[in-house]
Amino acid sequence: MIPGGGQPNMQQLLQQAQKMQQDLARAQEELANTEVDGQAGGGLVKATVTGAGELRALQIDPKAVDPEDTETLADLIVAAVHAANENAQTLQQQKLGPLAQGLGGGGIPGLPF
């Protein structure tokens, strides 16, 4: 029998897994600290979320406020938050995508891709 039997070096695999785990934790921390924006109504409503999707700020231009039509304002808020979250997902894929590919492209449980 051939020593090692052609099997990958277990110590090397463990080191690679540990490095990937550290890289993932670093990338997740960066995402939590990075803010991205989304807007709706031509900038009347702006939402700021972290790269992890946490809503941090909401700006509403007074022109968007019509006491007789709060439904439109609500729609603009939802659209701005949605746009900001889409930008956050793009950022997540940029930061975490290469790490997931390093795991054989199977993704990581609990992550959005």
Protein backbone atom coordinates (compact mmCIF):
# COMPACT_ATOMS: atom_id res chain seq x y z
CA MET A 1 0.00 0.00 0.00
CA ILE A 2 1.24 3.49 -0.85
CA PRO A 3 1.82 5.65 2.25
CA GLY A 4 -0.98 8.18 2.44
CA GLY A 5 -2.87 6.24 -0.21
CA GLY A 6 -3.07 9.33 -2.43
CA GLN A 7 -5.33 10.96 0.16
CA PRO A 8 -5.03 14.71 0.71
CA ASN A 9 -2.95 15.72 3.70
CA MET A 10 -5.48 16.05 6.54
CA GLN A 11 -3.42 18.70 8.35
CA GLN A 12 -3.27 20.76 5.17
CA LEU A 13 -7.03 20.46 4.69
CA LEU A 14 -7.66 21.58 8.26
CA GLN A 15 -5.36 24.59 7.81
CA GLN A 16 -7.17 25.55 4.60
CA ALA A 17 -10.56 25.24 6.30
CA GLN A 18 -9.38 27.35 9.24
CA LYS A 19 -8.05 30.06 6.89
CA MET A 20 -11.34 30.09 4.96
CA GLN A 21 -13.25 30.40 8.24
CA GLN A 22 -11.08 33.36 9.26
CA ASP A 23 -11.52 34.98 5.83
CA LEU A 24 -15.27 34.48 6.07
CA ALA A 25 -15.45 36.05 9.54
CA ARG A 26 -13.38 39.01 8.32
CA ALA A 27 -15.63 39.48 5.27
CA GLN A 28 -18.78 39.28 7.41
CA GLU A 29 -17.37 41.92 9.76
CA GLU A 30 -16.60 44.17 6.78
CA LEU A 31 -20.17 43.72 5.53
CA ALA A 32 -21.60 44.64 8.93
CA ASN A 33 -19.56 47.86 8.91
CA THR A 34 -20.13 48.86 5.27
CA GLU A 35 -23.18 50.96 4.40
CA VAL A 36 -24.95 51.03 1.03
CA ASP A 37 -27.81 53.22 -0.14
CA GLY A 38 -30.98 52.76 -2.14
CA GLN A 39 -33.46 55.35 -3.28
CA ALA A 40 -36.90 55.75 -4.76
CA GLY A 41 -38.99 58.53 -6.23
CA GLY A 42 -36.02 60.15 -7.90
CA GLY A 43 -34.25 60.50 -4.56
CA LEU A 44 -37.27 61.64 -2.53
CA VAL A 45 -36.74 58.67 -0.21
CA LYS A 46 -33.29 57.25 0.57
CA ALA A 47 -32.53 54.20 2.68
CA THR A 48 -29.15 53.20 4.07
CA VAL A 49 -28.47 49.61 5.06
CA THR A 50 -25.35 47.73 6.08
CA GLY A 51 -23.86 45.16 3.77
CA ALA A 52 -25.51 42.62 6.06
CA GLY A 53 -28.94 44.14 5.36
CA GLU A 54 -29.53 46.07 8.61
CA LEU A 55 -31.49 49.30 8.07
CA ARG A 56 -29.40 52.16 9.45
CA ALA A 57 -31.02 55.34 8.12
CA LEU A 58 -34.04 56.59 6.23
CA GLN A 59 -34.24 60.06 4.68
CA ILE A 60 -37.54 61.46 3.43
CA ASP A 61 -37.65 64.67 1.44
CA PRO A 62 -40.51 66.90 2.69
CA LYS A 63 -41.84 67.00 -0.90
CA ALA A 64 -42.66 63.29 -0.55
CA VAL A 65 -44.96 63.92 2.42
CA ASP A 66 -48.61 64.38 1.48
CA PRO A 67 -50.96 63.86 4.45
CA GLU A 68 -53.71 62.97 1.97
CA ASP A 69 -51.60 60.25 0.32
CA THR A 70 -49.57 58.32 2.86
CA GLU A 71 -49.84 55.19 0.72
CA THR A 72 -47.52 56.61 -1.94
CA LEU A 73 -44.99 57.58 0.74
CA ALA A 74 -45.15 54.07 2.19
CA ASP A 75 -44.57 52.61 -1.29
CA LEU A 76 -41.54 54.89 -1.78
CA ILE A 77 -40.09 53.80 1.57
CA VAL A 78 -40.54 50.13 0.73
CA ALA A 79 -38.97 50.67 -2.70
CA ALA A 80 -35.97 52.55 -1.24
CA VAL A 81 -35.35 49.87 1.39
CA HIS A 82 -35.71 47.17 -1.27
CA ALA A 83 -33.18 48.95 -3.52
CA ALA A 84 -30.75 49.32 -0.62
CA ASN A 85 -31.10 45.62 0.23
CA GLU A 86 -30.45 44.66 -3.39
CA ASN A 87 -27.25 46.71 -3.23
CA ALA A 88 -26.35 44.96 0.03
CA GLN A 89 -26.87 41.55 -1.61
CA THR A 90 -24.61 42.56 -4.48
CA LEU A 91 -21.97 43.60 -1.94
CA GLN A 92 -22.40 40.27 -0.10
CA GLN A 93 -21.83 38.35 -3.32
CA GLN A 94 -18.73 40.40 -4.08
CA LYS A 95 -17.26 39.89 -0.60
CA LEU A 96 -18.44 36.36 0.19
CA GLY A 97 -18.80 34.82 -3.27
CA PRO A 98 -15.12 33.97 -3.69
CA LEU A 99 -15.11 32.34 -0.25
CA ALA A 100 -18.12 30.20 -1.16
CA GLN A 101 -16.43 29.19 -4.40
CA GLY A 102 -13.44 28.12 -2.34
CA LEU A 103 -15.73 25.60 -0.69
CA GLY A 104 -16.43 23.91 -3.98
CA GLY A 105 -19.15 26.33 -5.07
CA GLY A 106 -21.67 24.67 -2.79
CA GLY A 107 -22.24 27.80 -0.75
CA ILE A 108 -22.29 28.10 2.97
CA PRO A 109 -25.41 27.24 4.96
CA GLY A 110 -27.14 30.35 6.25
CA LEU A 111 -25.76 32.68 3.60
CA PRO A 112 -28.01 34.17 0.93
CA PHE A 113 -26.38 32.44 -2.06
